[in-house]
Amino acid sequence: MTFLNKLKERQFWNIFLIVFAVYFITVTIISLLFNSFSDIFSTNWSSISETNFNNGKWKSFWVTKLLGSFIFGLYLANKKVEADRKNRH
């Protein structure tokens, strides 16, 4: 089955959404922890904002996470649907 045919299946999109959401949340939390660990635990929100979001930094912060999650979700959903098809036959 081709990738384009898999895109038409409901199972593919269900898997994609789960993977996308989990990966996006996980990567966002890890990224914030790496960039602003001490500020998070001292609840210094202005410093967290300055480090990660101010002066246009929010664009690269969110775009990289969204794009990475989208690609990873497509990849894993494709592999999962492919594996499920092989296991059924």
N, C-alpha and C. Protein backbone atom coordinates (compact mmCIF):
# COMPACT_ATOMS: atom_id res chain seq x y z
N MET A 1 0.84 -1.17 0.00
CA MET A 1 0.00 0.00 0.00
C MET A 1 0.89 1.24 0.00
N THR A 2 0.55 2.17 -0.84
CA THR A 2 1.36 3.39 -0.94
C THR A 2 1.04 4.34 0.22
N PHE A 3 1.96 5.26 0.41
CA PHE A 3 1.79 6.24 1.48
C PHE A 3 0.53 7.07 1.27
N LEU A 4 0.26 7.46 0.03
CA LEU A 4 -0.93 8.27 -0.26
C LEU A 4 -2.22 7.51 0.06
N ASN A 5 -2.23 6.20 -0.15
CA ASN A 5 -3.40 5.40 0.21
C ASN A 5 -3.56 5.32 1.73
N LYS A 6 -2.44 5.26 2.43
CA LYS A 6 -2.50 5.22 3.89
C LYS A 6 -3.06 6.52 4.44
N LEU A 7 -2.79 7.63 3.77
CA LEU A 7 -3.31 8.93 4.22
C LEU A 7 -4.84 8.98 4.20
N LYS A 8 -5.45 8.13 3.42
CA LYS A 8 -6.91 8.11 3.31
C LYS A 8 -7.58 7.29 4.41
N GLU A 9 -6.78 6.58 5.20
CA GLU A 9 -7.35 5.71 6.22
C GLU A 9 -7.50 6.42 7.56
N ARG A 10 -8.60 6.12 8.21
CA ARG A 10 -8.88 6.71 9.53
C ARG A 10 -7.85 6.25 10.56
N GLN A 11 -7.44 4.99 10.51
CA GLN A 11 -6.48 4.44 11.46
C GLN A 11 -5.17 5.23 11.41
N PHE A 12 -4.74 5.59 10.22
CA PHE A 12 -3.51 6.36 10.06
C PHE A 12 -3.60 7.68 10.82
N TRP A 13 -4.70 8.40 10.66
CA TRP A 13 -4.84 9.72 11.29
C TRP A 13 -5.03 9.62 12.79
N ASN A 14 -5.67 8.55 13.26
CA ASN A 14 -5.79 8.34 14.70
C ASN A 14 -4.41 8.14 15.33
N ILE A 15 -3.59 7.32 14.71
CA ILE A 15 -2.24 7.08 15.20
C ILE A 15 -1.42 8.37 15.10
N PHE A 16 -1.54 9.06 13.98
CA PHE A 16 -0.81 10.30 13.77
C PHE A 16 -1.10 11.31 14.88
N LEU A 17 -2.38 11.52 15.19
CA LEU A 17 -2.75 12.52 16.18
C LEU A 17 -2.21 12.16 17.57
N ILE A 18 -2.24 10.91 17.92
CA ILE A 18 -1.71 10.49 19.22
C ILE A 18 -0.21 10.73 19.27
N VAL A 19 0.50 10.28 18.26
CA VAL A 19 1.96 10.45 18.22
C VAL A 19 2.32 11.93 18.19
N PHE A 20 1.64 12.69 17.35
CA PHE A 20 1.90 14.13 17.24
C PHE A 20 1.74 14.82 18.58
N ALA A 21 0.63 14.57 19.25
CA ALA A 21 0.35 15.25 20.52
C ALA A 21 1.36 14.87 21.60
N VAL A 22 1.62 13.59 21.75
CA VAL A 22 2.55 13.13 22.79
C VAL A 22 3.95 13.65 22.52
N TYR A 23 4.40 13.55 21.28
CA TYR A 23 5.75 14.01 20.93
C TYR A 23 5.87 15.52 21.10
N PHE A 24 4.87 16.26 20.65
CA PHE A 24 4.89 17.71 20.75
C PHE A 24 4.98 18.16 22.21
N ILE A 25 4.14 17.60 23.05
CA ILE A 25 4.14 17.97 24.47
C ILE A 25 5.46 17.60 25.13
N THR A 26 5.95 16.40 24.84
CA THR A 26 7.20 15.93 25.44
C THR A 26 8.38 16.80 25.01
N VAL A 27 8.49 17.09 23.73
CA VAL A 27 9.60 17.90 23.22
C VAL A 27 9.52 19.32 23.76
N THR A 28 8.33 19.86 23.87
CA THR A 28 8.17 21.21 24.41
C THR A 28 8.62 21.28 25.86
N ILE A 29 8.19 20.32 26.66
CA ILE A 29 8.59 20.30 28.07
C ILE A 29 10.09 20.12 28.22
N ILE A 30 10.66 19.19 27.48
CA ILE A 30 12.10 18.96 27.56
C ILE A 30 12.87 20.20 27.11
N SER A 31 12.43 20.82 26.05
CA SER A 31 13.09 22.02 25.55
C SER A 31 13.05 23.15 26.59
N LEU A 32 11.90 23.35 27.19
CA LEU A 32 11.79 24.39 28.22
C LEU A 32 12.67 24.06 29.42
N LEU A 33 12.73 22.79 29.79
CA LEU A 33 13.58 22.41 30.92
C LEU A 33 15.06 22.65 30.60
N PHE A 34 15.48 22.30 29.40
CA PHE A 34 16.88 22.53 29.02
C PHE A 34 17.22 24.02 28.97
N ASN A 35 16.32 24.81 28.42
CA ASN A 35 16.60 26.23 28.24
C ASN A 35 16.42 27.05 29.51
N SER A 36 15.50 26.64 30.38
CA SER A 36 15.13 27.49 31.51
C SER A 36 14.88 26.71 32.79
N PHE A 37 15.69 25.72 33.07
CA PHE A 37 15.45 24.83 34.21
C PHE A 37 15.32 25.61 35.52
N SER A 38 16.30 26.42 35.84
CA SER A 38 16.27 27.13 37.12
C SER A 38 15.15 28.16 37.17
N ASP A 39 14.86 28.79 36.05
CA ASP A 39 13.78 29.78 36.02
C ASP A 39 12.41 29.13 36.21
N ILE A 40 12.24 27.93 35.69
CA ILE A 40 10.97 27.22 35.85
C ILE A 40 10.74 26.90 37.32
N PHE A 41 11.75 26.38 37.99
CA PHE A 41 11.57 25.98 39.38
C PHE A 41 11.59 27.15 40.35
N SER A 42 12.07 28.30 39.90
CA SER A 42 11.96 29.50 40.74
C SER A 42 10.77 30.34 40.31
N THR A 43 9.99 29.83 39.37
CA THR A 43 8.80 30.49 38.82
C THR A 43 9.07 31.93 38.36
N ASN A 44 10.19 32.11 37.69
CA ASN A 44 10.56 33.40 37.12
C ASN A 44 10.04 33.44 35.67
N TRP A 45 8.75 33.74 35.53
CA TRP A 45 8.08 33.66 34.24
C TRP A 45 8.61 34.68 33.24
N SER A 46 9.00 35.83 33.70
CA SER A 46 9.51 36.84 32.77
C SER A 46 10.84 36.39 32.15
N SER A 47 11.67 35.74 32.92
CA SER A 47 12.93 35.23 32.38
C SER A 47 12.70 34.08 31.40
N ILE A 48 11.74 33.23 31.70
CA ILE A 48 11.38 32.13 30.79
C ILE A 48 10.89 32.71 29.47
N SER A 49 10.05 33.73 29.58
CA SER A 49 9.52 34.39 28.38
C SER A 49 10.63 35.04 27.58
N GLU A 50 11.53 35.71 28.25
CA GLU A 50 12.65 36.39 27.58
C GLU A 50 13.56 35.38 26.88
N THR A 51 13.84 34.28 27.54
CA THR A 51 14.74 33.27 26.99
C THR A 51 14.15 32.55 25.80
N ASN A 52 12.85 32.25 25.85
CA ASN A 52 12.25 31.37 24.85
C ASN A 52 11.30 32.02 23.86
N PHE A 53 10.67 33.15 24.23
CA PHE A 53 9.56 33.63 23.40
C PHE A 53 9.67 35.08 22.92
N ASN A 54 10.31 35.95 23.64
CA ASN A 54 10.34 37.37 23.27
C ASN A 54 11.22 37.62 22.04
N ASN A 55 11.00 38.76 21.43
CA ASN A 55 11.78 39.22 20.26
C ASN A 55 11.74 38.23 19.10
N GLY A 56 10.59 37.66 18.86
CA GLY A 56 10.43 36.74 17.74
C GLY A 56 10.94 35.33 17.96
N LYS A 57 11.47 35.05 19.14
CA LYS A 57 11.98 33.70 19.42
C LYS A 57 10.86 32.66 19.45
N TRP A 58 9.63 33.12 19.72
CA TRP A 58 8.51 32.19 19.78
C TRP A 58 8.29 31.48 18.44
N LYS A 59 8.61 32.17 17.35
CA LYS A 59 8.41 31.56 16.03
C LYS A 59 9.26 30.32 15.86
N SER A 60 10.55 30.46 16.10
CA SER A 60 11.43 29.30 15.94
C SER A 60 11.16 28.25 17.01
N PHE A 61 10.78 28.70 18.22
CA PHE A 61 10.48 27.75 19.29
C PHE A 61 9.32 26.83 18.90
N TRP A 62 8.22 27.43 18.45
CA TRP A 62 7.03 26.63 18.13
C TRP A 62 7.11 25.96 16.76
N VAL A 63 7.67 26.63 15.78
CA VAL A 63 7.72 26.04 14.43
C VAL A 63 8.56 24.77 14.42
N THR A 64 9.70 24.79 15.09
CA THR A 64 10.55 23.59 15.10
C THR A 64 9.85 22.43 15.79
N LYS A 65 9.14 22.71 16.87
CA LYS A 65 8.43 21.64 17.58
C LYS A 65 7.25 21.12 16.77
N LEU A 66 6.50 22.02 16.16
CA LEU A 66 5.36 21.60 15.34
C LEU A 66 5.81 20.81 14.12
N LEU A 67 6.83 21.32 13.43
CA LEU A 67 7.32 20.63 12.24
C LEU A 67 7.92 19.27 12.59
N GLY A 68 8.73 19.23 13.63
CA GLY A 68 9.32 17.96 14.05
C GLY A 68 8.26 16.96 14.47
N SER A 69 7.25 17.42 15.20
CA SER A 69 6.17 16.53 15.64
C SER A 69 5.36 16.04 14.45
N PHE A 70 5.12 16.91 13.49
CA PHE A 70 4.38 16.54 12.29
C PHE A 70 5.11 15.45 11.50
N ILE A 71 6.39 15.65 11.27
CA ILE A 71 7.18 14.68 10.52
C ILE A 71 7.28 13.36 11.27
N PHE A 72 7.56 13.43 12.57
CA PHE A 72 7.66 12.22 13.38
C PHE A 72 6.33 11.48 13.43
N GLY A 73 5.23 12.22 13.54
CA GLY A 73 3.90 11.61 13.55
C GLY A 73 3.59 10.90 12.25
N LEU A 74 3.91 11.54 11.13
CA LEU A 74 3.69 10.89 9.82
C LEU A 74 4.53 9.62 9.70
N TYR A 75 5.79 9.71 10.11
CA TYR A 75 6.69 8.57 10.01
C TYR A 75 6.20 7.39 10.85
N LEU A 76 5.89 7.64 12.11
CA LEU A 76 5.47 6.54 12.97
C LEU A 76 4.10 5.99 12.58
N ALA A 77 3.18 6.84 12.19
CA ALA A 77 1.88 6.37 11.75
C ALA A 77 2.02 5.50 10.50
N ASN A 78 2.88 5.91 9.59
CA ASN A 78 3.14 5.12 8.39
C ASN A 78 3.69 3.74 8.76
N LYS A 79 4.67 3.72 9.65
CA LYS A 79 5.27 2.44 10.06
C LYS A 79 4.28 1.56 10.80
N LYS A 80 3.45 2.15 11.64
CA LYS A 80 2.47 1.38 12.42
C LYS A 80 1.41 0.77 11.51
N VAL A 81 0.88 1.54 10.57
CA VAL A 81 -0.13 1.02 9.64
C VAL A 81 0.48 -0.09 8.79
N GLU A 82 1.72 0.10 8.36
CA GLU A 82 2.42 -0.91 7.57
C GLU A 82 2.60 -2.20 8.38
N ALA A 83 3.00 -2.07 9.62
CA ALA A 83 3.20 -3.24 10.48
C ALA A 83 1.87 -3.95 10.76
N ASP A 84 0.81 -3.19 10.98
CA ASP A 84 -0.50 -3.79 11.22
C ASP A 84 -0.99 -4.56 10.00
N ARG A 85 -0.72 -4.03 8.82
CA ARG A 85 -1.11 -4.73 7.58
C ARG A 85 -0.35 -6.06 7.44
N LYS A 86 0.93 -6.04 7.74
CA LYS A 86 1.73 -7.27 7.64
C LYS A 86 1.27 -8.31 8.65
N ASN A 87 0.89 -7.87 9.84
CA ASN A 87 0.45 -8.79 10.88
C ASN A 87 -0.91 -9.40 10.58
N ARG A 88 -1.74 -8.69 9.82
CA ARG A 88 -3.07 -9.22 9.46
C ARG A 88 -2.98 -10.31 8.39
N HIS A 89 -1.95 -10.26 7.58
CA HIS A 89 -1.87 -11.24 6.47
C HIS A 89 -1.02 -12.39 6.81
